[in-house]
Amino acid sequence: YDLTDVRSEIHEFLAKNGFIPIMSDYEDFPDDLSKNSTYTKC
C-alpha cells in the first residue's frame, strides 16, 4: 500500500530488461505453487 507506484515501476523495469518479476499483487503471480494461503504461496 505504501509502495504501489514503486512496485509498478519495478515490475515494468524488470520485464523490459529480460527478467521475470514475481510479485504477489500481479495476476501472473504463480498461484499453482501451493494450495495453502497466500502467505505460504509467497
PDB file of all heavy atoms in Angstrom:
ATOM      1  N   TYR A   1       0.795  -1.217   0.000  1.00  0.00           N
ATOM      2  CA  TYR A   1       0.000   0.000   0.000  1.00  0.00           C
ATOM      3  C   TYR A   1       0.833   1.275   0.000  1.00  0.00           C
ATOM      4  O   TYR A   1       0.412   2.295  -0.555  1.00  0.00           O
ATOM      5  CB  TYR A   1      -0.968  -0.001   1.186  1.00  0.00           C
ATOM      6  CG  TYR A   1      -1.977  -1.118   1.107  1.00  0.00           C
ATOM      7  CD1 TYR A   1      -1.988  -2.142   2.039  1.00  0.00           C
ATOM      8  CD2 TYR A   1      -2.903  -1.176   0.067  1.00  0.00           C
ATOM      9  CE1 TYR A   1      -2.894  -3.186   1.954  1.00  0.00           C
ATOM     10  CE2 TYR A   1      -3.817  -2.211  -0.029  1.00  0.00           C
ATOM     11  CZ  TYR A   1      -3.810  -3.213   0.924  1.00  0.00           C
ATOM     12  OH  TYR A   1      -4.699  -4.246   0.832  1.00  0.00           O
ATOM     13  N   ASP A   2       2.024   1.239   0.599  1.00  0.00           N
ATOM     14  CA  ASP A   2       2.868   2.434   0.615  1.00  0.00           C
ATOM     15  C   ASP A   2       3.870   2.451  -0.535  1.00  0.00           C
ATOM     16  O   ASP A   2       4.627   3.411  -0.682  1.00  0.00           O
ATOM     17  CB  ASP A   2       3.606   2.556   1.951  1.00  0.00           C
ATOM     18  CG  ASP A   2       4.467   1.338   2.255  1.00  0.00           C
ATOM     19  OD1 ASP A   2       4.105   0.234   1.806  1.00  0.00           O
ATOM     20  OD2 ASP A   2       5.496   1.486   2.951  1.00  0.00           O
ATOM     21  N   LEU A   3       3.869   1.405  -1.358  1.00  0.00           N
ATOM     22  CA  LEU A   3       4.835   1.310  -2.452  1.00  0.00           C
ATOM     23  C   LEU A   3       4.173   0.908  -3.773  1.00  0.00           C
ATOM     24  O   LEU A   3       4.829   0.332  -4.649  1.00  0.00           O
ATOM     25  CB  LEU A   3       5.936   0.298  -2.098  1.00  0.00           C
ATOM     26  CG  LEU A   3       6.956   0.746  -1.043  1.00  0.00           C
ATOM     27  CD1 LEU A   3       7.806  -0.431  -0.585  1.00  0.00           C
ATOM     28  CD2 LEU A   3       7.839   1.862  -1.590  1.00  0.00           C
ATOM     29  N   THR A   4       2.913   1.214  -3.923  1.00  0.00           N
ATOM     30  CA  THR A   4       2.183   0.807  -5.130  1.00  0.00           C
ATOM     31  C   THR A   4       2.848   1.317  -6.406  1.00  0.00           C
ATOM     32  O   THR A   4       3.087   0.556  -7.350  1.00  0.00           O
ATOM     33  CB  THR A   4       0.726   1.317  -5.066  1.00  0.00           C
ATOM     34  OG1 THR A   4       0.088   0.785  -3.898  1.00  0.00           O
ATOM     35  CG2 THR A   4      -0.049   0.870  -6.301  1.00  0.00           C
ATOM     36  N   ASP A   5       3.174   2.598  -6.448  1.00  0.00           N
ATOM     37  CA  ASP A   5       3.780   3.186  -7.642  1.00  0.00           C
ATOM     38  C   ASP A   5       5.171   2.619  -7.897  1.00  0.00           C
ATOM     39  O   ASP A   5       5.537   2.332  -9.037  1.00  0.00           O
ATOM     40  CB  ASP A   5       3.850   4.707  -7.521  1.00  0.00           C
ATOM     41  CG  ASP A   5       2.472   5.356  -7.533  1.00  0.00           C
ATOM     42  OD1 ASP A   5       1.514   4.677  -7.951  1.00  0.00           O
ATOM     43  OD2 ASP A   5       2.362   6.528  -7.129  1.00  0.00           O
ATOM     44  N   VAL A   6       5.948   2.477  -6.836  1.00  0.00           N
ATOM     45  CA  VAL A   6       7.302   1.941  -6.980  1.00  0.00           C
ATOM     46  C   VAL A   6       7.263   0.507  -7.480  1.00  0.00           C
ATOM     47  O   VAL A   6       8.022   0.123  -8.384  1.00  0.00           O
ATOM     48  CB  VAL A   6       8.063   2.016  -5.636  1.00  0.00           C
ATOM     49  CG1 VAL A   6       9.391   1.267  -5.716  1.00  0.00           C
ATOM     50  CG2 VAL A   6       8.303   3.470  -5.242  1.00  0.00           C
ATOM     51  N   ARG A   7       6.376  -0.293  -6.936  1.00  0.00           N
ATOM     52  CA  ARG A   7       6.266  -1.689  -7.368  1.00  0.00           C
ATOM     53  C   ARG A   7       5.863  -1.766  -8.842  1.00  0.00           C
ATOM     54  O   ARG A   7       6.363  -2.612  -9.593  1.00  0.00           O
ATOM     55  CB  ARG A   7       5.249  -2.434  -6.493  1.00  0.00           C
ATOM     56  CG  ARG A   7       5.768  -2.734  -5.093  1.00  0.00           C
ATOM     57  CD  ARG A   7       4.695  -3.397  -4.236  1.00  0.00           C
ATOM     58  NE  ARG A   7       4.331  -4.716  -4.733  1.00  0.00           N
ATOM     59  CZ  ARG A   7       4.957  -5.840  -4.400  1.00  0.00           C
ATOM     60  NH1 ARG A   7       6.000  -5.806  -3.572  1.00  0.00           N
ATOM     61  NH2 ARG A   7       4.557  -7.007  -4.871  1.00  0.00           N
ATOM     62  N   SER A   8       4.969  -0.884  -9.257  1.00  0.00           N
ATOM     63  CA  SER A   8       4.554  -0.855 -10.655  1.00  0.00           C
ATOM     64  C   SER A   8       5.736  -0.541 -11.573  1.00  0.00           C
ATOM     65  O   SER A   8       5.930  -1.184 -12.620  1.00  0.00           O
ATOM     66  CB  SER A   8       3.451   0.182 -10.839  1.00  0.00           C
ATOM     67  OG  SER A   8       3.067   0.282 -12.197  1.00  0.00           O
ATOM     68  N   GLU A   9       6.540   0.439 -11.178  1.00  0.00           N
ATOM     69  CA  GLU A   9       7.708   0.805 -11.974  1.00  0.00           C
ATOM     70  C   GLU A   9       8.743  -0.317 -12.013  1.00  0.00           C
ATOM     71  O   GLU A   9       9.355  -0.583 -13.052  1.00  0.00           O
ATOM     72  CB  GLU A   9       8.341   2.073 -11.416  1.00  0.00           C
ATOM     73  CG  GLU A   9       7.521   3.332 -11.667  1.00  0.00           C
ATOM     74  CD  GLU A   9       8.308   4.590 -11.330  1.00  0.00           C
ATOM     75  OE1 GLU A   9       9.469   4.687 -11.747  1.00  0.00           O
ATOM     76  OE2 GLU A   9       7.744   5.457 -10.641  1.00  0.00           O
ATOM     77  N   ILE A  10       8.942  -0.967 -10.871  1.00  0.00           N
ATOM     78  CA  ILE A  10       9.912  -2.060 -10.808  1.00  0.00           C
ATOM     79  C   ILE A  10       9.463  -3.238 -11.669  1.00  0.00           C
ATOM     80  O   ILE A  10      10.265  -3.868 -12.374  1.00  0.00           O
ATOM     81  CB  ILE A  10      10.121  -2.512  -9.348  1.00  0.00           C
ATOM     82  CG1 ILE A  10      10.835  -1.410  -8.561  1.00  0.00           C
ATOM     83  CG2 ILE A  10      10.923  -3.808  -9.284  1.00  0.00           C
ATOM     84  CD1 ILE A  10      12.220  -1.063  -9.049  1.00  0.00           C
ATOM     85  N   HIS A  11       8.171  -3.532 -11.634  1.00  0.00           N
ATOM     86  CA  HIS A  11       7.627  -4.620 -12.454  1.00  0.00           C
ATOM     87  C   HIS A  11       7.895  -4.341 -13.930  1.00  0.00           C
ATOM     88  O   HIS A  11       8.386  -5.219 -14.674  1.00  0.00           O
ATOM     89  CB  HIS A  11       6.130  -4.772 -12.188  1.00  0.00           C
ATOM     90  CG  HIS A  11       5.511  -5.968 -12.854  1.00  0.00           C
ATOM     91  ND1 HIS A  11       5.145  -5.971 -14.183  1.00  0.00           N
ATOM     92  CD2 HIS A  11       5.204  -7.209 -12.380  1.00  0.00           C
ATOM     93  CE1 HIS A  11       4.635  -7.146 -14.506  1.00  0.00           C
ATOM     94  NE2 HIS A  11       4.657  -7.916 -13.426  1.00  0.00           N
ATOM     95  N   GLU A  12       7.589  -3.131 -14.370  1.00  0.00           N
ATOM     96  CA  GLU A  12       7.800  -2.762 -15.772  1.00  0.00           C
ATOM     97  C   GLU A  12       9.289  -2.764 -16.123  1.00  0.00           C
ATOM     98  O   GLU A  12       9.690  -3.251 -17.187  1.00  0.00           O
ATOM     99  CB  GLU A  12       7.208  -1.377 -16.029  1.00  0.00           C
ATOM    100  CG  GLU A  12       7.367  -0.893 -17.466  1.00  0.00           C
ATOM    101  CD  GLU A  12       6.823   0.507 -17.675  1.00  0.00           C
ATOM    102  OE1 GLU A  12       6.614   1.226 -16.687  1.00  0.00           O
ATOM    103  OE2 GLU A  12       6.595   0.871 -18.845  1.00  0.00           O
ATOM    104  N   PHE A  13      10.107  -2.238 -15.229  1.00  0.00           N
ATOM    105  CA  PHE A  13      11.548  -2.156 -15.453  1.00  0.00           C
ATOM    106  C   PHE A  13      12.168  -3.544 -15.614  1.00  0.00           C
ATOM    107  O   PHE A  13      12.967  -3.777 -16.538  1.00  0.00           O
ATOM    108  CB  PHE A  13      12.196  -1.411 -14.281  1.00  0.00           C
ATOM    109  CG  PHE A  13      13.693  -1.424 -14.284  1.00  0.00           C
ATOM    110  CD1 PHE A  13      14.391  -0.645 -15.186  1.00  0.00           C
ATOM    111  CD2 PHE A  13      14.399  -2.205 -13.390  1.00  0.00           C
ATOM    112  CE1 PHE A  13      15.784  -0.646 -15.193  1.00  0.00           C
ATOM    113  CE2 PHE A  13      15.782  -2.213 -13.394  1.00  0.00           C
ATOM    114  CZ  PHE A  13      16.476  -1.432 -14.295  1.00  0.00           C
ATOM    115  N   LEU A  14      11.823  -4.465 -14.736  1.00  0.00           N
ATOM    116  CA  LEU A  14      12.381  -5.814 -14.803  1.00  0.00           C
ATOM    117  C   LEU A  14      11.923  -6.550 -16.055  1.00  0.00           C
ATOM    118  O   LEU A  14      12.723  -7.195 -16.745  1.00  0.00           O
ATOM    119  CB  LEU A  14      11.992  -6.604 -13.548  1.00  0.00           C
ATOM    120  CG  LEU A  14      12.592  -6.129 -12.222  1.00  0.00           C
ATOM    121  CD1 LEU A  14      12.033  -6.933 -11.057  1.00  0.00           C
ATOM    122  CD2 LEU A  14      14.119  -6.218 -12.253  1.00  0.00           C
ATOM    123  N   ALA A  15      10.632  -6.436 -16.365  1.00  0.00           N
ATOM    124  CA  ALA A  15      10.093  -7.124 -17.539  1.00  0.00           C
ATOM    125  C   ALA A  15      10.733  -6.609 -18.830  1.00  0.00           C
ATOM    126  O   ALA A  15      11.053  -7.391 -19.736  1.00  0.00           O
ATOM    127  CB  ALA A  15       8.582  -6.956 -17.592  1.00  0.00           C
ATOM    128  N   LYS A  16      10.937  -5.298 -18.918  1.00  0.00           N
ATOM    129  CA  LYS A  16      11.523  -4.709 -20.120  1.00  0.00           C
ATOM    130  C   LYS A  16      12.981  -5.099 -20.297  1.00  0.00           C
ATOM    131  O   LYS A  16      13.517  -5.038 -21.414  1.00  0.00           O
ATOM    132  CB  LYS A  16      11.402  -3.182 -20.072  1.00  0.00           C
ATOM    133  CG  LYS A  16      10.024  -2.661 -20.430  1.00  0.00           C
ATOM    134  CD  LYS A  16      10.034  -1.142 -20.499  1.00  0.00           C
ATOM    135  CE  LYS A  16       8.676  -0.607 -20.968  1.00  0.00           C
ATOM    136  NZ  LYS A  16       8.676   0.879 -21.046  1.00  0.00           N
ATOM    137  N   ASN A  17      13.640  -5.480 -19.210  1.00  0.00           N
ATOM    138  CA  ASN A  17      15.064  -5.802 -19.271  1.00  0.00           C
ATOM    139  C   ASN A  17      15.351  -7.298 -19.180  1.00  0.00           C
ATOM    140  O   ASN A  17      16.455  -7.707 -18.812  1.00  0.00           O
ATOM    141  CB  ASN A  17      15.813  -5.039 -18.170  1.00  0.00           C
ATOM    142  CG  ASN A  17      15.974  -3.565 -18.492  1.00  0.00           C
ATOM    143  OD1 ASN A  17      16.814  -3.189 -19.299  1.00  0.00           O
ATOM    144  ND2 ASN A  17      15.136  -2.729 -17.880  1.00  0.00           N
ATOM    145  N   GLY A  18      14.354  -8.104 -19.523  1.00  0.00           N
ATOM    146  CA  GLY A  18      14.587  -9.534 -19.679  1.00  0.00           C
ATOM    147  C   GLY A  18      14.497 -10.378 -18.428  1.00  0.00           C
ATOM    148  O   GLY A  18      14.970 -11.516 -18.421  1.00  0.00           O
ATOM    149  N   PHE A  19      13.872  -9.851 -17.370  1.00  0.00           N
ATOM    150  CA  PHE A  19      13.682 -10.614 -16.134  1.00  0.00           C
ATOM    151  C   PHE A  19      12.200 -10.919 -15.941  1.00  0.00           C
ATOM    152  O   PHE A  19      11.338 -10.248 -16.510  1.00  0.00           O
ATOM    153  CB  PHE A  19      14.213  -9.842 -14.930  1.00  0.00           C
ATOM    154  CG  PHE A  19      15.708  -9.632 -14.948  1.00  0.00           C
ATOM    155  CD1 PHE A  19      16.251  -8.502 -15.544  1.00  0.00           C
ATOM    156  CD2 PHE A  19      16.556 -10.562 -14.382  1.00  0.00           C
ATOM    157  CE1 PHE A  19      17.626  -8.303 -15.578  1.00  0.00           C
ATOM    158  CE2 PHE A  19      17.928 -10.377 -14.403  1.00  0.00           C
ATOM    159  CZ  PHE A  19      18.464  -9.246 -15.008  1.00  0.00           C
ATOM    160  N   ILE A  20      11.934 -11.908 -15.134  1.00  0.00           N
ATOM    161  CA  ILE A  20      10.554 -12.240 -14.789  1.00  0.00           C
ATOM    162  C   ILE A  20      10.291 -11.777 -13.360  1.00  0.00           C
ATOM    163  O   ILE A  20      10.781 -12.375 -12.403  1.00  0.00           O
ATOM    164  CB  ILE A  20      10.296 -13.759 -14.886  1.00  0.00           C
ATOM    165  CG1 ILE A  20      10.574 -14.257 -16.303  1.00  0.00           C
ATOM    166  CG2 ILE A  20       8.853 -14.084 -14.474  1.00  0.00           C
ATOM    167  CD1 ILE A  20      10.465 -15.770 -16.444  1.00  0.00           C
ATOM    168  N   PRO A  21       9.536 -10.677 -13.184  1.00  0.00           N
ATOM    169  CA  PRO A  21       9.232 -10.209 -11.830  1.00  0.00           C
ATOM    170  C   PRO A  21       8.154 -11.073 -11.189  1.00  0.00           C
ATOM    171  O   PRO A  21       7.118 -11.348 -11.803  1.00  0.00           O
ATOM    172  CB  PRO A  21       8.728  -8.783 -12.059  1.00  0.00           C
ATOM    173  CG  PRO A  21       8.211  -8.779 -13.460  1.00  0.00           C
ATOM    174  CD  PRO A  21       9.007  -9.782 -14.226  1.00  0.00           C
ATOM    175  N   ILE A  22       8.400 -11.523  -9.974  1.00  0.00           N
ATOM    176  CA  ILE A  22       7.425 -12.314  -9.222  1.00  0.00           C
ATOM    177  C   ILE A  22       6.895 -11.431  -8.107  1.00  0.00           C
ATOM    178  O   ILE A  22       7.599 -11.131  -7.146  1.00  0.00           O
ATOM    179  CB  ILE A  22       8.055 -13.591  -8.649  1.00  0.00           C
ATOM    180  CG1 ILE A  22       8.670 -14.426  -9.770  1.00  0.00           C
ATOM    181  CG2 ILE A  22       7.014 -14.406  -7.887  1.00  0.00           C
ATOM    182  CD1 ILE A  22       9.379 -15.675  -9.282  1.00  0.00           C
ATOM    183  N   MET A  23       5.626 -11.000  -8.248  1.00  0.00           N
ATOM    184  CA  MET A  23       5.039 -10.058  -7.314  1.00  0.00           C
ATOM    185  C   MET A  23       3.611 -10.500  -6.984  1.00  0.00           C
ATOM    186  O   MET A  23       2.807 -10.722  -7.887  1.00  0.00           O
ATOM    187  CB  MET A  23       5.069  -8.651  -7.904  1.00  0.00           C
ATOM    188  CG  MET A  23       6.472  -8.228  -8.323  1.00  0.00           C
ATOM    189  SD  MET A  23       6.558  -6.657  -9.235  1.00  0.00           S
ATOM    190  CE  MET A  23       6.312  -5.485  -7.912  1.00  0.00           C
ATOM    191  N   SER A  24       3.321 -10.606  -5.708  1.00  0.00           N
ATOM    192  CA  SER A  24       2.061 -11.196  -5.267  1.00  0.00           C
ATOM    193  C   SER A  24       0.833 -10.393  -5.650  1.00  0.00           C
ATOM    194  O   SER A  24      -0.282 -10.921  -5.651  1.00  0.00           O
ATOM    195  CB  SER A  24       2.081 -11.395  -3.745  1.00  0.00           C
ATOM    196  OG  SER A  24       2.244 -10.151  -3.082  1.00  0.00           O
ATOM    197  N   ASP A  25       0.995  -9.109  -5.973  1.00  0.00           N
ATOM    198  CA  ASP A  25      -0.142  -8.254  -6.326  1.00  0.00           C
ATOM    199  C   ASP A  25      -0.385  -8.197  -7.830  1.00  0.00           C
ATOM    200  O   ASP A  25      -1.166  -7.371  -8.297  1.00  0.00           O
ATOM    201  CB  ASP A  25       0.042  -6.849  -5.763  1.00  0.00           C
ATOM    202  CG  ASP A  25       1.402  -6.250  -6.075  1.00  0.00           C
ATOM    203  OD1 ASP A  25       2.358  -7.021  -6.258  1.00  0.00           O
ATOM    204  OD2 ASP A  25       1.530  -5.014  -6.124  1.00  0.00           O
ATOM    205  N   TYR A  26       0.249  -9.087  -8.588  1.00  0.00           N
ATOM    206  CA  TYR A  26       0.045  -9.142 -10.034  1.00  0.00           C
ATOM    207  C   TYR A  26      -0.602 -10.455 -10.441  1.00  0.00           C
ATOM    208  O   TYR A  26      -0.411 -11.486  -9.787  1.00  0.00           O
ATOM    209  CB  TYR A  26       1.378  -8.950 -10.773  1.00  0.00           C
ATOM    210  CG  TYR A  26       1.777  -7.505 -10.888  1.00  0.00           C
ATOM    211  CD1 TYR A  26       2.319  -6.829  -9.790  1.00  0.00           C
ATOM    212  CD2 TYR A  26       1.577  -6.783 -12.061  1.00  0.00           C
ATOM    213  CE1 TYR A  26       2.668  -5.489  -9.870  1.00  0.00           C
ATOM    214  CE2 TYR A  26       1.917  -5.443 -12.159  1.00  0.00           C
ATOM    215  CZ  TYR A  26       2.461  -4.813 -11.062  1.00  0.00           C
ATOM    216  OH  TYR A  26       2.791  -3.481 -11.149  1.00  0.00           O
ATOM    217  N   GLU A  27      -1.362 -10.394 -11.528  1.00  0.00           N
ATOM    218  CA  GLU A  27      -2.128 -11.564 -11.960  1.00  0.00           C
ATOM    219  C   GLU A  27      -1.243 -12.732 -12.372  1.00  0.00           C
ATOM    220  O   GLU A  27      -1.668 -13.886 -12.330  1.00  0.00           O
ATOM    221  CB  GLU A  27      -3.052 -11.185 -13.127  1.00  0.00           C
ATOM    222  CG  GLU A  27      -4.168 -10.222 -12.736  1.00  0.00           C
ATOM    223  CD  GLU A  27      -5.078  -9.894 -13.902  1.00  0.00           C
ATOM    224  OE1 GLU A  27      -4.798 -10.365 -15.017  1.00  0.00           O
ATOM    225  OE2 GLU A  27      -6.074  -9.168 -13.694  1.00  0.00           O
ATOM    226  N   ASP A  28      -0.007 -12.446 -12.791  1.00  0.00           N
ATOM    227  CA  ASP A  28       0.876 -13.523 -13.228  1.00  0.00           C
ATOM    228  C   ASP A  28       1.637 -14.168 -12.068  1.00  0.00           C
ATOM    229  O   ASP A  28       2.533 -14.977 -12.282  1.00  0.00           O
ATOM    230  CB  ASP A  28       1.869 -13.013 -14.273  1.00  0.00           C
ATOM    231  CG  ASP A  28       2.676 -11.811 -13.791  1.00  0.00           C
ATOM    232  OD1 ASP A  28       2.446 -11.357 -12.652  1.00  0.00           O
ATOM    233  OD2 ASP A  28       3.533 -11.337 -14.562  1.00  0.00           O
ATOM    234  N   PHE A  29       1.276 -13.808 -10.830  1.00  0.00           N
ATOM    235  CA  PHE A  29       1.901 -14.447  -9.673  1.00  0.00           C
ATOM    236  C   PHE A  29       1.598 -15.941  -9.699  1.00  0.00           C
ATOM    237  O   PHE A  29       0.438 -16.339  -9.878  1.00  0.00           O
ATOM    238  CB  PHE A  29       1.380 -13.829  -8.378  1.00  0.00           C
ATOM    239  CG  PHE A  29       2.034 -14.368  -7.132  1.00  0.00           C
ATOM    240  CD1 PHE A  29       3.340 -14.010  -6.816  1.00  0.00           C
ATOM    241  CD2 PHE A  29       1.351 -15.219  -6.288  1.00  0.00           C
ATOM    242  CE1 PHE A  29       3.945 -14.494  -5.666  1.00  0.00           C
ATOM    243  CE2 PHE A  29       1.949 -15.708  -5.137  1.00  0.00           C
ATOM    244  CZ  PHE A  29       3.250 -15.352  -4.827  1.00  0.00           C
ATOM    245  N   PRO A  30       2.607 -16.805  -9.548  1.00  0.00           N
ATOM    246  CA  PRO A  30       2.397 -18.259  -9.664  1.00  0.00           C
ATOM    247  C   PRO A  30       1.560 -18.828  -8.520  1.00  0.00           C
ATOM    248  O   PRO A  30       2.071 -19.135  -7.445  1.00  0.00           O
ATOM    249  CB  PRO A  30       3.827 -18.820  -9.637  1.00  0.00           C
ATOM    250  CG  PRO A  30       4.633 -17.787  -8.917  1.00  0.00           C
ATOM    251  CD  PRO A  30       4.010 -16.460  -9.282  1.00  0.00           C
ATOM    252  N   ASP A  31       0.260 -18.971  -8.760  1.00  0.00           N
ATOM    253  CA  ASP A  31      -0.635 -19.442  -7.699  1.00  0.00           C
ATOM    254  C   ASP A  31      -0.778 -20.953  -7.666  1.00  0.00           C
ATOM    255  O   ASP A  31      -1.554 -21.493  -6.878  1.00  0.00           O
ATOM    256  CB  ASP A  31      -2.024 -18.809  -7.842  1.00  0.00           C
ATOM    257  CG  ASP A  31      -2.672 -19.123  -9.180  1.00  0.00           C
ATOM    258  OD1 ASP A  31      -2.064 -19.849  -9.986  1.00  0.00           O
ATOM    259  OD2 ASP A  31      -3.788 -18.635  -9.422  1.00  0.00           O
ATOM    260  N   ASP A  32      -0.039 -21.661  -8.509  1.00  0.00           N
ATOM    261  CA  ASP A  32      -0.125 -23.112  -8.522  1.00  0.00           C
ATOM    262  C   ASP A  32       0.955 -23.766  -7.676  1.00  0.00           C
ATOM    263  O   ASP A  32       1.084 -24.987  -7.638  1.00  0.00           O
ATOM    264  CB  ASP A  32      -0.018 -23.639  -9.959  1.00  0.00           C
ATOM    265  CG  ASP A  32       1.272 -23.220 -10.636  1.00  0.00           C
ATOM    266  OD1 ASP A  32       1.876 -22.225 -10.189  1.00  0.00           O
ATOM    267  OD2 ASP A  32       1.676 -23.898 -11.601  1.00  0.00           O
ATOM    268  N   LEU A  33       1.757 -22.928  -6.984  1.00  0.00           N
ATOM    269  CA  LEU A  33       2.843 -23.485  -6.191  1.00  0.00           C
ATOM    270  C   LEU A  33       2.344 -24.153  -4.920  1.00  0.00           C
ATOM    271  O   LEU A  33       2.970 -25.043  -4.387  1.00  0.00           O
ATOM    272  CB  LEU A  33       3.830 -22.362  -5.807  1.00  0.00           C
ATOM    273  CG  LEU A  33       4.600 -21.735  -6.969  1.00  0.00           C
ATOM    274  CD1 LEU A  33       5.389 -20.532  -6.478  1.00  0.00           C
ATOM    275  CD2 LEU A  33       5.535 -22.753  -7.591  1.00  0.00           C
ATOM    276  N   SER A  34       1.211 -23.730  -4.437  1.00  0.00           N
ATOM    277  CA  SER A  34       0.696 -24.274  -3.178  1.00  0.00           C
ATOM    278  C   SER A  34      -0.813 -24.103  -3.125  1.00  0.00           C
ATOM    279  O   SER A  34      -1.370 -23.178  -3.687  1.00  0.00           O
ATOM    280  CB  SER A  34       1.338 -23.539  -1.993  1.00  0.00           C
ATOM    281  OG  SER A  34       0.722 -23.895  -0.783  1.00  0.00           O
ATOM    282  N   LYS A  35      -1.462 -25.034  -2.471  1.00  0.00           N
ATOM    283  CA  LYS A  35      -2.907 -24.931  -2.291  1.00  0.00           C
ATOM    284  C   LYS A  35      -3.238 -24.257  -0.958  1.00  0.00           C
ATOM    285  O   LYS A  35      -4.390 -24.149  -0.595  1.00  0.00           O
ATOM    286  CB  LYS A  35      -3.533 -26.328  -2.345  1.00  0.00           C
ATOM    287  CG  LYS A  35      -3.421 -26.989  -3.719  1.00  0.00           C
ATOM    288  CD  LYS A  35      -4.091 -28.350  -3.723  1.00  0.00           C
ATOM    289  CE  LYS A  35      -3.988 -29.009  -5.095  1.00  0.00           C
ATOM    290  NZ  LYS A  35      -4.621 -30.347  -5.129  1.00  0.00           N
ATOM    291  N   ASN A  36      -2.219 -23.799  -0.273  1.00  0.00           N
ATOM    292  CA  ASN A  36      -2.414 -23.171   1.023  1.00  0.00           C
ATOM    293  C   ASN A  36      -2.656 -21.671   0.875  1.00  0.00           C
ATOM    294  O   ASN A  36      -3.010 -21.194  -0.195  1.00  0.00           O
ATOM    295  CB  ASN A  36      -1.190 -23.450   1.910  1.00  0.00           C
ATOM    296  CG  ASN A  36      -1.032 -24.930   2.202  1.00  0.00           C
ATOM    297  OD1 ASN A  36      -2.006 -25.622   2.490  1.00  0.00           O
ATOM    298  ND2 ASN A  36       0.194 -25.431   2.108  1.00  0.00           N
ATOM    299  N   SER A  37      -2.432 -20.914   1.928  1.00  0.00           N
ATOM    300  CA  SER A  37      -2.724 -19.492   1.949  1.00  0.00           C
ATOM    301  C   SER A  37      -1.760 -18.708   1.064  1.00  0.00           C
ATOM    302  O   SER A  37      -0.724 -19.210   0.625  1.00  0.00           O
ATOM    303  CB  SER A  37      -2.620 -18.979   3.385  1.00  0.00           C
ATOM    304  OG  SER A  37      -1.287 -19.094   3.847  1.00  0.00           O
ATOM    305  N   THR A  38      -2.127 -17.444   0.809  1.00  0.00           N
ATOM    306  CA  THR A  38      -1.251 -16.557   0.060  1.00  0.00           C
ATOM    307  C   THR A  38       0.090 -16.423   0.761  1.00  0.00           C
ATOM    308  O   THR A  38       1.141 -16.332   0.121  1.00  0.00           O
ATOM    309  CB  THR A  38      -1.903 -15.164  -0.083  1.00  0.00           C
ATOM    310  OG1 THR A  38      -3.151 -15.300  -0.759  1.00  0.00           O
ATOM    311  CG2 THR A  38      -1.010 -14.220  -0.850  1.00  0.00           C
ATOM    312  N   TYR A  39       0.067 -16.428   2.084  1.00  0.00           N
ATOM    313  CA  TYR A  39       1.285 -16.356   2.891  1.00  0.00           C
ATOM    314  C   TYR A  39       2.235 -17.479   2.503  1.00  0.00           C
ATOM    315  O   TYR A  39       3.417 -17.263   2.231  1.00  0.00           O
ATOM    316  CB  TYR A  39       0.890 -16.457   4.363  1.00  0.00           C
ATOM    317  CG  TYR A  39       1.981 -16.112   5.351  1.00  0.00           C
ATOM    318  CD1 TYR A  39       2.096 -14.818   5.850  1.00  0.00           C
ATOM    319  CD2 TYR A  39       2.869 -17.074   5.811  1.00  0.00           C
ATOM    320  CE1 TYR A  39       3.080 -14.490   6.776  1.00  0.00           C
ATOM    321  CE2 TYR A  39       3.856 -16.762   6.734  1.00  0.00           C
ATOM    322  CZ  TYR A  39       3.952 -15.461   7.210  1.00  0.00           C
ATOM    323  OH  TYR A  39       4.933 -15.139   8.115  1.00  0.00           O
ATOM    324  N   THR A  40       1.719 -18.705   2.447  1.00  0.00           N
ATOM    325  CA  THR A  40       2.537 -19.864   2.097  1.00  0.00           C
ATOM    326  C   THR A  40       2.976 -19.811   0.640  1.00  0.00           C
ATOM    327  O   THR A  40       4.101 -20.178   0.293  1.00  0.00           O
ATOM    328  CB  THR A  40       1.764 -21.164   2.360  1.00  0.00           C
ATOM    329  OG1 THR A  40       1.333 -21.192   3.728  1.00  0.00           O
ATOM    330  CG2 THR A  40       2.628 -22.384   2.081  1.00  0.00           C
ATOM    331  N   LYS A  41       2.094 -19.336  -0.235  1.00  0.00           N
ATOM    332  CA  LYS A  41       2.437 -19.231  -1.657  1.00  0.00           C
ATOM    333  C   LYS A  41       3.603 -18.281  -1.863  1.00  0.00           C
ATOM    334  O   LYS A  41       4.462 -18.516  -2.715  1.00  0.00           O
ATOM    335  CB  LYS A  41       1.218 -18.751  -2.448  1.00  0.00           C
ATOM    336  CG  LYS A  41       0.083 -19.759  -2.545  1.00  0.00           C
ATOM    337  CD  LYS A  41      -1.114 -19.162  -3.277  1.00  0.00           C
ATOM    338  CE  LYS A  41      -2.289 -20.148  -3.300  1.00  0.00           C
ATOM    339  NZ  LYS A  41      -3.466 -19.565  -3.968  1.00  0.00           N
ATOM    340  N   CYS A  42       3.640 -17.201  -1.102  1.00  0.00           N
ATOM    341  CA  CYS A  42       4.743 -16.255  -1.216  1.00  0.00           C
ATOM    342  C   CYS A  42       6.063 -16.910  -0.823  1.00  0.00           C
ATOM    343  O   CYS A  42       7.082 -16.728  -1.503  1.00  0.00           O
ATOM    344  CB  CYS A  42       4.489 -15.029  -0.339  1.00  0.00           C
ATOM    345  SG  CYS A  42       3.209 -13.919  -0.975  1.00  0.00           S
TER     346      CYS A  42
END
